[in-house]
Amino acid sequence: MRILVVEDDVRLAEMLTEALTDFQYVVDLAQDGETAWDWVRGQEYDLIVLDLTLPKLDGVSFCQRLRQHRLALPILMLTARDTIADKITGLDAGADDYMVKKLS
């Protein structure tokens, strides 16, 4: 299974990549939405783990772009934004699930 992690927080991105790799997943990492878009155009993924707040192209716009191009791969939004409005926006953009990351 190949997963694209789209996360600009370097420490969190490294932890996610390491954890997923430990479970034998192949993981690619993009730290902004435009780089993620380039990865998706050149590679097939089974899952995208996507932050909302990203440089160059935010997570909602990236997700909308994926769906506009009829890319139906699963998208998990993993973000610190935890309001009901944020969740609705993320799911309306085309995410399959929305998970709030715990900041401590």
PDB file of N, CA and C in Angstrom:
ATOM      1  N   MET A   1       0.846  -1.177   0.000  1.00  0.00           N
ATOM      2  CA  MET A   1       0.000   0.000   0.000  1.00  0.00           C
ATOM      3  C   MET A   1       0.891   1.239   0.000  1.00  0.00           C
ATOM      4  N   ARG A   2       0.581   2.198  -0.864  1.00  0.00           N
ATOM      5  CA  ARG A   2       1.361   3.433  -0.981  1.00  0.00           C
ATOM      6  C   ARG A   2       0.531   4.593  -0.432  1.00  0.00           C
ATOM      7  N   ILE A   3       1.126   5.369   0.468  1.00  0.00           N
ATOM      8  CA  ILE A   3       0.450   6.481   1.135  1.00  0.00           C
ATOM      9  C   ILE A   3       1.225   7.759   0.882  1.00  0.00           C
ATOM     10  N   LEU A   4       0.485   8.827   0.585  1.00  0.00           N
ATOM     11  CA  LEU A   4       1.070  10.156   0.473  1.00  0.00           C
ATOM     12  C   LEU A   4       0.701  10.943   1.724  1.00  0.00           C
ATOM     13  N   VAL A   5       1.698  11.353   2.483  1.00  0.00           N
ATOM     14  CA  VAL A   5       1.497  12.199   3.646  1.00  0.00           C
ATOM     15  C   VAL A   5       1.786  13.630   3.213  1.00  0.00           C
ATOM     16  N   VAL A   6       0.804  14.517   3.428  1.00  0.00           N
ATOM     17  CA  VAL A   6       0.953  15.928   3.067  1.00  0.00           C
ATOM     18  C   VAL A   6       0.882  16.723   4.364  1.00  0.00           C
ATOM     19  N   GLU A   7       2.054  17.098   4.858  1.00  0.00           N
ATOM     20  CA  GLU A   7       2.168  17.720   6.192  1.00  0.00           C
ATOM     21  C   GLU A   7       3.372  18.651   6.197  1.00  0.00           C
ATOM     22  N   ASP A   8       3.169  19.902   6.622  1.00  0.00           N
ATOM     23  CA  ASP A   8       4.277  20.861   6.638  1.00  0.00           C
ATOM     24  C   ASP A   8       5.016  20.921   7.968  1.00  0.00           C
ATOM     25  N   ASP A   9       4.481  20.315   8.997  1.00  0.00           N
ATOM     26  CA  ASP A   9       5.182  20.241  10.281  1.00  0.00           C
ATOM     27  C   ASP A   9       6.200  19.101  10.179  1.00  0.00           C
ATOM     28  N   VAL A  10       7.469  19.465  10.092  1.00  0.00           N
ATOM     29  CA  VAL A  10       8.531  18.493   9.815  1.00  0.00           C
ATOM     30  C   VAL A  10       8.554  17.368  10.839  1.00  0.00           C
ATOM     31  N   ARG A  11       8.458  17.716  12.108  1.00  0.00           N
ATOM     32  CA  ARG A  11       8.520  16.690  13.159  1.00  0.00           C
ATOM     33  C   ARG A  11       7.349  15.703  13.051  1.00  0.00           C
ATOM     34  N   LEU A  12       6.141  16.228  12.882  1.00  0.00           N
ATOM     35  CA  LEU A  12       4.971  15.361  12.751  1.00  0.00           C
ATOM     36  C   LEU A  12       5.059  14.517  11.479  1.00  0.00           C
ATOM     37  N   ALA A  13       5.503  15.122  10.391  1.00  0.00           N
ATOM     38  CA  ALA A  13       5.639  14.387   9.135  1.00  0.00           C
ATOM     39  C   ALA A  13       6.610  13.225   9.285  1.00  0.00           C
ATOM     40  N   GLU A  14       7.728  13.471   9.954  1.00  0.00           N
ATOM     41  CA  GLU A  14       8.707  12.401  10.170  1.00  0.00           C
ATOM     42  C   GLU A  14       8.134  11.292  11.045  1.00  0.00           C
ATOM     43  N   MET A  15       7.394  11.661  12.088  1.00  0.00           N
ATOM     44  CA  MET A  15       6.796  10.650  12.970  1.00  0.00           C
ATOM     45  C   MET A  15       5.760   9.813  12.223  1.00  0.00           C
ATOM     46  N   LEU A  16       4.908  10.461  11.430  1.00  0.00           N
ATOM     47  CA  LEU A  16       3.907   9.726  10.648  1.00  0.00           C
ATOM     48  C   LEU A  16       4.569   8.793   9.642  1.00  0.00           C
ATOM     49  N   THR A  17       5.563   9.313   8.951  1.00  0.00           N
ATOM     50  CA  THR A  17       6.272   8.508   7.952  1.00  0.00           C
ATOM     51  C   THR A  17       6.936   7.302   8.599  1.00  0.00           C
ATOM     52  N   GLU A  18       7.593   7.516   9.723  1.00  0.00           N
ATOM     53  CA  GLU A  18       8.254   6.406  10.418  1.00  0.00           C
ATOM     54  C   GLU A  18       7.248   5.366  10.895  1.00  0.00           C
ATOM     55  N   ALA A  19       6.150   5.816  11.496  1.00  0.00           N
ATOM     56  CA  ALA A  19       5.139   4.877  12.000  1.00  0.00           C
ATOM     57  C   ALA A  19       4.527   4.068  10.861  1.00  0.00           C
ATOM     58  N   LEU A  20       4.186   4.711   9.773  1.00  0.00           N
ATOM     59  CA  LEU A  20       3.583   3.996   8.647  1.00  0.00           C
ATOM     60  C   LEU A  20       4.574   3.048   7.986  1.00  0.00           C
ATOM     61  N   THR A  21       5.817   3.469   7.884  1.00  0.00           N
ATOM     62  CA  THR A  21       6.856   2.615   7.308  1.00  0.00           C
ATOM     63  C   THR A  21       7.088   1.384   8.182  1.00  0.00           C
ATOM     64  N   ASP A  22       7.023   1.559   9.494  1.00  0.00           N
ATOM     65  CA  ASP A  22       7.164   0.424  10.405  1.00  0.00           C
ATOM     66  C   ASP A  22       6.093  -0.632  10.165  1.00  0.00           C
ATOM     67  N   PHE A  23       4.924  -0.205   9.665  1.00  0.00           N
ATOM     68  CA  PHE A  23       3.848  -1.136   9.350  1.00  0.00           C
ATOM     69  C   PHE A  23       3.888  -1.594   7.897  1.00  0.00           C
ATOM     70  N   GLN A  24       5.039  -1.404   7.262  1.00  0.00           N
ATOM     71  CA  GLN A  24       5.318  -1.886   5.906  1.00  0.00           C
ATOM     72  C   GLN A  24       4.584  -1.129   4.804  1.00  0.00           C
ATOM     73  N   TYR A  25       4.119   0.083   5.076  1.00  0.00           N
ATOM     74  CA  TYR A  25       3.550   0.922   4.031  1.00  0.00           C
ATOM     75  C   TYR A  25       4.667   1.666   3.322  1.00  0.00           C
ATOM     76  N   VAL A  26       4.477   1.927   2.050  1.00  0.00           N
ATOM     77  CA  VAL A  26       5.388   2.772   1.295  1.00  0.00           C
ATOM     78  C   VAL A  26       4.846   4.188   1.432  1.00  0.00           C
ATOM     79  N   VAL A  27       5.694   5.107   1.881  1.00  0.00           N
ATOM     80  CA  VAL A  27       5.231   6.458   2.191  1.00  0.00           C
ATOM     81  C   VAL A  27       6.043   7.488   1.422  1.00  0.00           C
ATOM     82  N   ASP A  28       5.320   8.400   0.785  1.00  0.00           N
ATOM     83  CA  ASP A  28       5.929   9.583   0.194  1.00  0.00           C
ATOM     84  C   ASP A  28       5.469  10.773   1.017  1.00  0.00           C
ATOM     85  N   LEU A  29       6.300  11.805   1.075  1.00  0.00           N
ATOM     86  CA  LEU A  29       6.002  12.972   1.889  1.00  0.00           C
ATOM     87  C   LEU A  29       6.065  14.233   1.042  1.00  0.00           C
ATOM     88  N   ALA A  30       5.040  15.054   1.166  1.00  0.00           N
ATOM     89  CA  ALA A  30       5.017  16.378   0.547  1.00  0.00           C
ATOM     90  C   ALA A  30       4.756  17.386   1.654  1.00  0.00           C
ATOM     91  N   GLN A  31       5.480  18.497   1.632  1.00  0.00           N
ATOM     92  CA  GLN A  31       5.321  19.487   2.687  1.00  0.00           C
ATOM     93  C   GLN A  31       4.507  20.697   2.253  1.00  0.00           C
ATOM     94  N   ASP A  32       3.955  20.663   1.046  1.00  0.00           N
ATOM     95  CA  ASP A  32       3.040  21.709   0.604  1.00  0.00           C
ATOM     96  C   ASP A  32       2.089  21.112  -0.431  1.00  0.00           C
ATOM     97  N   GLY A  33       0.989  21.819  -0.678  1.00  0.00           N
ATOM     98  CA  GLY A  33      -0.042  21.292  -1.560  1.00  0.00           C
ATOM     99  C   GLY A  33       0.377  21.165  -3.017  1.00  0.00           C
ATOM    100  N   GLU A  34       1.183  22.082  -3.509  1.00  0.00           N
ATOM    101  CA  GLU A  34       1.616  21.998  -4.903  1.00  0.00           C
ATOM    102  C   GLU A  34       2.534  20.802  -5.134  1.00  0.00           C
ATOM    103  N   THR A  35       3.435  20.547  -4.198  1.00  0.00           N
ATOM    104  CA  THR A  35       4.303  19.370  -4.308  1.00  0.00           C
ATOM    105  C   THR A  35       3.464  18.092  -4.250  1.00  0.00           C
ATOM    106  N   ALA A  36       2.474  18.086  -3.368  1.00  0.00           N
ATOM    107  CA  ALA A  36       1.575  16.927  -3.278  1.00  0.00           C
ATOM    108  C   ALA A  36       0.857  16.702  -4.601  1.00  0.00           C
ATOM    109  N   TRP A  37       0.410  17.780  -5.227  1.00  0.00           N
ATOM    110  CA  TRP A  37      -0.255  17.659  -6.525  1.00  0.00           C
ATOM    111  C   TRP A  37       0.683  17.050  -7.567  1.00  0.00           C
ATOM    112  N   ASP A  38       1.937  17.458  -7.567  1.00  0.00           N
ATOM    113  CA  ASP A  38       2.916  16.877  -8.488  1.00  0.00           C
ATOM    114  C   ASP A  38       3.088  15.381  -8.227  1.00  0.00           C
ATOM    115  N   TRP A  39       3.149  14.990  -6.954  1.00  0.00           N
ATOM    116  CA  TRP A  39       3.285  13.574  -6.603  1.00  0.00           C
ATOM    117  C   TRP A  39       2.080  12.782  -7.116  1.00  0.00           C
ATOM    118  N   VAL A  40       0.877  13.304  -6.902  1.00  0.00           N
ATOM    119  CA  VAL A  40      -0.335  12.580  -7.289  1.00  0.00           C
ATOM    120  C   VAL A  40      -0.426  12.415  -8.803  1.00  0.00           C
ATOM    121  N   ARG A  41       0.037  13.393  -9.536  1.00  0.00           N
ATOM    122  CA  ARG A  41      -0.004  13.296 -10.999  1.00  0.00           C
ATOM    123  C   ARG A  41       0.981  12.272 -11.531  1.00  0.00           C
ATOM    124  N   GLY A  42       2.022  11.948 -10.760  1.00  0.00           N
ATOM    125  CA  GLY A  42       3.039  11.027 -11.250  1.00  0.00           C
ATOM    126  C   GLY A  42       3.055   9.664 -10.584  1.00  0.00           C
ATOM    127  N   GLN A  43       2.196   9.460  -9.601  1.00  0.00           N
ATOM    128  CA  GLN A  43       2.241   8.223  -8.816  1.00  0.00           C
ATOM    129  C   GLN A  43       0.820   7.845  -8.397  1.00  0.00           C
ATOM    130  N   GLU A  44       0.552   6.556  -8.286  1.00  0.00           N
ATOM    131  CA  GLU A  44      -0.747   6.096  -7.783  1.00  0.00           C
ATOM    132  C   GLU A  44      -0.645   5.857  -6.283  1.00  0.00           C
ATOM    133  N   TYR A  45      -1.643   6.342  -5.556  1.00  0.00           N
ATOM    134  CA  TYR A  45      -1.672   6.190  -4.093  1.00  0.00           C
ATOM    135  C   TYR A  45      -2.939   5.464  -3.677  1.00  0.00           C
ATOM    136  N   ASP A  46      -2.827   4.761  -2.550  1.00  0.00           N
ATOM    137  CA  ASP A  46      -3.968   4.082  -1.958  1.00  0.00           C
ATOM    138  C   ASP A  46      -4.645   4.943  -0.904  1.00  0.00           C
ATOM    139  N   LEU A  47      -3.924   5.970  -0.415  1.00  0.00           N
ATOM    140  CA  LEU A  47      -4.445   6.840   0.635  1.00  0.00           C
ATOM    141  C   LEU A  47      -3.633   8.130   0.656  1.00  0.00           C
ATOM    142  N   ILE A  48      -4.312   9.237   0.954  1.00  0.00           N
ATOM    143  CA  ILE A  48      -3.632  10.499   1.219  1.00  0.00           C
ATOM    144  C   ILE A  48      -3.990  10.928   2.637  1.00  0.00           C
ATOM    145  N   VAL A  49      -2.973  11.220   3.431  1.00  0.00           N
ATOM    146  CA  VAL A  49      -3.159  11.799   4.770  1.00  0.00           C
ATOM    147  C   VAL A  49      -2.807  13.271   4.609  1.00  0.00           C
ATOM    148  N   LEU A  50      -3.786  14.150   4.825  1.00  0.00           N
ATOM    149  CA  LEU A  50      -3.697  15.537   4.390  1.00  0.00           C
ATOM    150  C   LEU A  50      -3.950  16.524   5.519  1.00  0.00           C
ATOM    151  N   ASP A  51      -3.010  17.439   5.716  1.00  0.00           N
ATOM    152  CA  ASP A  51      -3.208  18.546   6.644  1.00  0.00           C
ATOM    153  C   ASP A  51      -4.021  19.628   5.933  1.00  0.00           C
ATOM    154  N   LEU A  52      -4.729  20.453   6.697  1.00  0.00           N
ATOM    155  CA  LEU A  52      -5.501  21.550   6.103  1.00  0.00           C
ATOM    156  C   LEU A  52      -4.651  22.787   5.841  1.00  0.00           C
ATOM    157  N   THR A  53      -3.830  23.138   6.818  1.00  0.00           N
ATOM    158  CA  THR A  53      -3.057  24.362   6.724  1.00  0.00           C
ATOM    159  C   THR A  53      -1.698  24.050   6.117  1.00  0.00           C
ATOM    160  N   LEU A  54      -1.563  24.366   4.828  1.00  0.00           N
ATOM    161  CA  LEU A  54      -0.347  24.053   4.076  1.00  0.00           C
ATOM    162  C   LEU A  54       0.098  25.270   3.287  1.00  0.00           C
ATOM    163  N   PRO A  55       1.395  25.383   3.026  1.00  0.00           N
ATOM    164  CA  PRO A  55       1.853  26.440   2.123  1.00  0.00           C
ATOM    165  C   PRO A  55       1.536  26.100   0.661  1.00  0.00           C
ATOM    166  N   LYS A  56       1.511  27.134  -0.158  1.00  0.00           N
ATOM    167  CA  LYS A  56       1.349  27.071  -1.615  1.00  0.00           C
ATOM    168  C   LYS A  56      -0.044  26.663  -2.061  1.00  0.00           C
ATOM    169  N   LEU A  57      -0.612  25.611  -1.522  1.00  0.00           N
ATOM    170  CA  LEU A  57      -1.962  25.163  -1.848  1.00  0.00           C
ATOM    171  C   LEU A  57      -2.514  24.494  -0.594  1.00  0.00           C
ATOM    172  N   ASP A  58      -3.533  25.094   0.004  1.00  0.00           N
ATOM    173  CA  ASP A  58      -4.049  24.556   1.275  1.00  0.00           C
ATOM    174  C   ASP A  58      -4.754  23.214   1.060  1.00  0.00           C
ATOM    175  N   GLY A  59      -4.989  22.523   2.159  1.00  0.00           N
ATOM    176  CA  GLY A  59      -5.563  21.186   2.095  1.00  0.00           C
ATOM    177  C   GLY A  59      -6.944  21.126   1.478  1.00  0.00           C
ATOM    178  N   VAL A  60      -7.798  22.115   1.762  1.00  0.00           N
ATOM    179  CA  VAL A  60      -9.143  22.126   1.184  1.00  0.00           C
ATOM    180  C   VAL A  60      -9.053  22.289  -0.336  1.00  0.00           C
ATOM    181  N   SER A  61      -8.245  23.234  -0.798  1.00  0.00           N
ATOM    182  CA  SER A  61      -8.101  23.455  -2.247  1.00  0.00           C
ATOM    183  C   SER A  61      -7.488  22.238  -2.931  1.00  0.00           C
ATOM    184  N   PHE A  62      -6.504  21.616  -2.275  1.00  0.00           N
ATOM    185  CA  PHE A  62      -5.883  20.402  -2.820  1.00  0.00           C
ATOM    186  C   PHE A  62      -6.918  19.285  -2.956  1.00  0.00           C
ATOM    187  N   CYS A  63      -7.704  19.112  -1.915  1.00  0.00           N
ATOM    188  CA  CYS A  63      -8.739  18.076  -1.918  1.00  0.00           C
ATOM    189  C   CYS A  63      -9.771  18.344  -3.021  1.00  0.00           C
ATOM    190  N   GLN A  64     -10.200  19.591  -3.145  1.00  0.00           N
ATOM    191  CA  GLN A  64     -11.149  19.954  -4.201  1.00  0.00           C
ATOM    192  C   GLN A  64     -10.555  19.684  -5.582  1.00  0.00           C
ATOM    193  N   ARG A  65      -9.289  19.996  -5.758  1.00  0.00           N
ATOM    194  CA  ARG A  65      -8.625  19.760  -7.045  1.00  0.00           C
ATOM    195  C   ARG A  65      -8.603  18.268  -7.368  1.00  0.00           C
ATOM    196  N   LEU A  66      -8.314  17.446  -6.377  1.00  0.00           N
ATOM    197  CA  LEU A  66      -8.318  15.998  -6.590  1.00  0.00           C
ATOM    198  C   LEU A  66      -9.684  15.529  -7.075  1.00  0.00           C
ATOM    199  N   ARG A  67     -10.718  15.984  -6.397  1.00  0.00           N
ATOM    200  CA  ARG A  67     -12.073  15.542  -6.742  1.00  0.00           C
ATOM    201  C   ARG A  67     -12.520  16.117  -8.094  1.00  0.00           C
ATOM    202  N   GLN A  68     -12.119  17.341  -8.416  1.00  0.00           N
ATOM    203  CA  GLN A  68     -12.464  17.919  -9.711  1.00  0.00           C
ATOM    204  C   GLN A  68     -11.832  17.128 -10.854  1.00  0.00           C
ATOM    205  N   HIS A  69     -10.692  16.528 -10.593  1.00  0.00           N
ATOM    206  CA  HIS A  69     -10.022  15.692 -11.593  1.00  0.00           C
ATOM    207  C   HIS A  69     -10.462  14.234 -11.488  1.00  0.00           C
ATOM    208  N   ARG A  70     -11.507  14.013 -10.725  1.00  0.00           N
ATOM    209  CA  ARG A  70     -12.131  12.686 -10.568  1.00  0.00           C
ATOM    210  C   ARG A  70     -11.190  11.631  -9.992  1.00  0.00           C
ATOM    211  N   LEU A  71     -10.285  12.059  -9.143  1.00  0.00           N
ATOM    212  CA  LEU A  71      -9.410  11.119  -8.442  1.00  0.00           C
ATOM    213  C   LEU A  71     -10.136  10.678  -7.176  1.00  0.00           C
ATOM    214  N   ALA A  72     -10.472   9.415  -7.117  1.00  0.00           N
ATOM    215  CA  ALA A  72     -11.356   8.911  -6.065  1.00  0.00           C
ATOM    216  C   ALA A  72     -10.624   8.229  -4.918  1.00  0.00           C
ATOM    217  N   LEU A  73      -9.313   8.424  -4.816  1.00  0.00           N
ATOM    218  CA  LEU A  73      -8.590   7.750  -3.746  1.00  0.00           C
ATOM    219  C   LEU A  73      -9.010   8.307  -2.387  1.00  0.00           C
ATOM    220  N   PRO A  74      -8.921   7.498  -1.336  1.00  0.00           N
ATOM    221  CA  PRO A  74      -9.330   7.940   0.001  1.00  0.00           C
ATOM    222  C   PRO A  74      -8.441   9.062   0.537  1.00  0.00           C
ATOM    223  N   ILE A  75      -9.084  10.030   1.185  1.00  0.00           N
ATOM    224  CA  ILE A  75      -8.379  11.157   1.781  1.00  0.00           C
ATOM    225  C   ILE A  75      -8.775  11.263   3.241  1.00  0.00           C
ATOM    226  N   LEU A  76      -7.754  11.214   4.117  1.00  0.00           N
ATOM    227  CA  LEU A  76      -7.945  11.444   5.549  1.00  0.00           C
ATOM    228  C   LEU A  76      -7.356  12.804   5.872  1.00  0.00           C
ATOM    229  N   MET A  77      -8.195  13.736   6.286  1.00  0.00           N
ATOM    230  CA  MET A  77      -7.681  15.030   6.734  1.00  0.00           C
ATOM    231  C   MET A  77      -7.261  14.877   8.183  1.00  0.00           C
ATOM    232  N   LEU A  78      -6.006  15.218   8.443  1.00  0.00           N
ATOM    233  CA  LEU A  78      -5.430  15.140   9.778  1.00  0.00           C
ATOM    234  C   LEU A  78      -4.934  16.543  10.105  1.00  0.00           C
ATOM    235  N   THR A  79      -5.635  17.234  11.005  1.00  0.00           N
ATOM    236  CA  THR A  79      -5.384  18.649  11.201  1.00  0.00           C
ATOM    237  C   THR A  79      -5.628  19.077  12.646  1.00  0.00           C
ATOM    238  N   ALA A  80      -5.057  20.199  13.007  1.00  0.00           N
ATOM    239  CA  ALA A  80      -5.284  20.769  14.331  1.00  0.00           C
ATOM    240  C   ALA A  80      -6.576  21.588  14.365  1.00  0.00           C
ATOM    241  N   ARG A  81      -7.138  21.874  13.222  1.00  0.00           N
ATOM    242  CA  ARG A  81      -8.357  22.675  13.161  1.00  0.00           C
ATOM    243  C   ARG A  81      -9.538  21.808  13.566  1.00  0.00           C
ATOM    244  N   ASP A  82     -10.190  22.206  14.670  1.00  0.00           N
ATOM    245  CA  ASP A  82     -11.155  21.299  15.287  1.00  0.00           C
ATOM    246  C   ASP A  82     -12.577  21.828  15.401  1.00  0.00           C
ATOM    247  N   THR A  83     -12.913  22.906  14.713  1.00  0.00           N
ATOM    248  CA  THR A  83     -14.289  23.396  14.808  1.00  0.00           C
ATOM    249  C   THR A  83     -15.207  22.567  13.914  1.00  0.00           C
ATOM    250  N   ILE A  84     -16.480  22.604  14.213  1.00  0.00           N
ATOM    251  CA  ILE A  84     -17.464  21.903  13.382  1.00  0.00           C
ATOM    252  C   ILE A  84     -17.420  22.467  11.955  1.00  0.00           C
ATOM    253  N   ALA A  85     -17.269  23.793  11.832  1.00  0.00           N
ATOM    254  CA  ALA A  85     -17.197  24.411  10.505  1.00  0.00           C
ATOM    255  C   ALA A  85     -16.004  23.887   9.710  1.00  0.00           C
ATOM    256  N   ASP A  86     -14.843  23.710  10.377  1.00  0.00           N
ATOM    257  CA  ASP A  86     -13.666  23.159   9.700  1.00  0.00           C
ATOM    258  C   ASP A  86     -13.944  21.743   9.212  1.00  0.00           C
ATOM    259  N   LYS A  87     -14.567  20.934  10.053  1.00  0.00           N
ATOM    260  CA  LYS A  87     -14.877  19.550   9.678  1.00  0.00           C
ATOM    261  C   LYS A  87     -15.822  19.514   8.492  1.00  0.00           C
ATOM    262  N   ILE A  88     -16.851  20.347   8.518  1.00  0.00           N
ATOM    263  CA  ILE A  88     -17.809  20.396   7.408  1.00  0.00           C
ATOM    264  C   ILE A  88     -17.105  20.826   6.126  1.00  0.00           C
ATOM    265  N   THR A  89     -16.262  21.855   6.222  1.00  0.00           N
ATOM    266  CA  THR A  89     -15.525  22.334   5.058  1.00  0.00           C
ATOM    267  C   THR A  89     -14.647  21.232   4.473  1.00  0.00           C
ATOM    268  N   GLY A  90     -13.924  20.519   5.333  1.00  0.00           N
ATOM    269  CA  GLY A  90     -13.047  19.446   4.874  1.00  0.00           C
ATOM    270  C   GLY A  90     -13.806  18.316   4.201  1.00  0.00           C
ATOM    271  N   LEU A  91     -14.894  17.896   4.821  1.00  0.00           N
ATOM    272  CA  LEU A  91     -15.683  16.805   4.246  1.00  0.00           C
ATOM    273  C   LEU A  91     -16.395  17.246   2.977  1.00  0.00           C
ATOM    274  N   ASP A  92     -16.890  18.490   2.954  1.00  0.00           N
ATOM    275  CA  ASP A  92     -17.524  19.008   1.736  1.00  0.00           C
ATOM    276  C   ASP A  92     -16.534  19.146   0.582  1.00  0.00           C
ATOM    277  N   ALA A  93     -15.257  19.355   0.912  1.00  0.00           N
ATOM    278  CA  ALA A  93     -14.222  19.460  -0.121  1.00  0.00           C
ATOM    279  C   ALA A  93     -13.927  18.114  -0.768  1.00  0.00           C
ATOM    280  N   GLY A  94     -14.352  17.036  -0.103  1.00  0.00           N
ATOM    281  CA  GLY A  94     -14.154  15.708  -0.682  1.00  0.00           C
ATOM    282  C   GLY A  94     -13.383  14.734   0.179  1.00  0.00           C
ATOM    283  N   ALA A  95     -12.999  15.147   1.389  1.00  0.00           N
ATOM    284  CA  ALA A  95     -12.289  14.215   2.274  1.00  0.00           C
ATOM    285  C   ALA A  95     -13.229  13.083   2.685  1.00  0.00           C
ATOM    286  N   ASP A  96     -12.664  11.912   2.880  1.00  0.00           N
ATOM    287  CA  ASP A  96     -13.449  10.764   3.302  1.00  0.00           C
ATOM    288  C   ASP A  96     -13.590  10.693   4.811  1.00  0.00           C
ATOM    289  N   ASP A  97     -12.620  11.261   5.515  1.00  0.00           N
ATOM    290  CA  ASP A  97     -12.696  11.295   6.974  1.00  0.00           C
ATOM    291  C   ASP A  97     -11.880  12.485   7.459  1.00  0.00           C
ATOM    292  N   TYR A  98     -12.121  12.880   8.689  1.00  0.00           N
ATOM    293  CA  TYR A  98     -11.511  14.077   9.262  1.00  0.00           C
ATOM    294  C   TYR A  98     -11.095  13.735  10.684  1.00  0.00           C
ATOM    295  N   MET A  99      -9.826  13.890  10.977  1.00  0.00           N
ATOM    296  CA  MET A  99      -9.318  13.562  12.313  1.00  0.00           C
ATOM    297  C   MET A  99      -8.536  14.761  12.854  1.00  0.00           C
ATOM    298  N   VAL A 100      -8.789  15.091  14.110  1.00  0.00           N
ATOM    299  CA  VAL A 100      -8.096  16.208  14.738  1.00  0.00           C
ATOM    300  C   VAL A 100      -6.860  15.675  15.434  1.00  0.00           C
ATOM    301  N   LYS A 101      -5.706  16.322  15.136  1.00  0.00           N
ATOM    302  CA  LYS A 101      -4.470  15.916  15.804  1.00  0.00           C
ATOM    303  C   LYS A 101      -4.383  16.617  17.147  1.00  0.00           C
ATOM    304  N   LYS A 102      -3.926  15.892  18.115  1.00  0.00           N
ATOM    305  CA  LYS A 102      -3.757  16.420  19.461  1.00  0.00           C
ATOM    306  C   LYS A 102      -2.434  17.179  19.516  1.00  0.00           C
ATOM    307  N   LEU A 103      -2.503  18.418  19.918  1.00  0.00           N
ATOM    308  CA  LEU A 103      -1.295  19.227  20.084  1.00  0.00           C
ATOM    309  C   LEU A 103      -0.982  19.307  21.555  1.00  0.00           C
ATOM    310  N   SER A 104       0.236  18.916  21.912  1.00  0.00           N
ATOM    311  CA  SER A 104       0.613  18.996  23.317  1.00  0.00           C
ATOM    312  C   SER A 104       2.043  19.446  23.475  1.00  0.00           C
TER     313      SER A 104
END
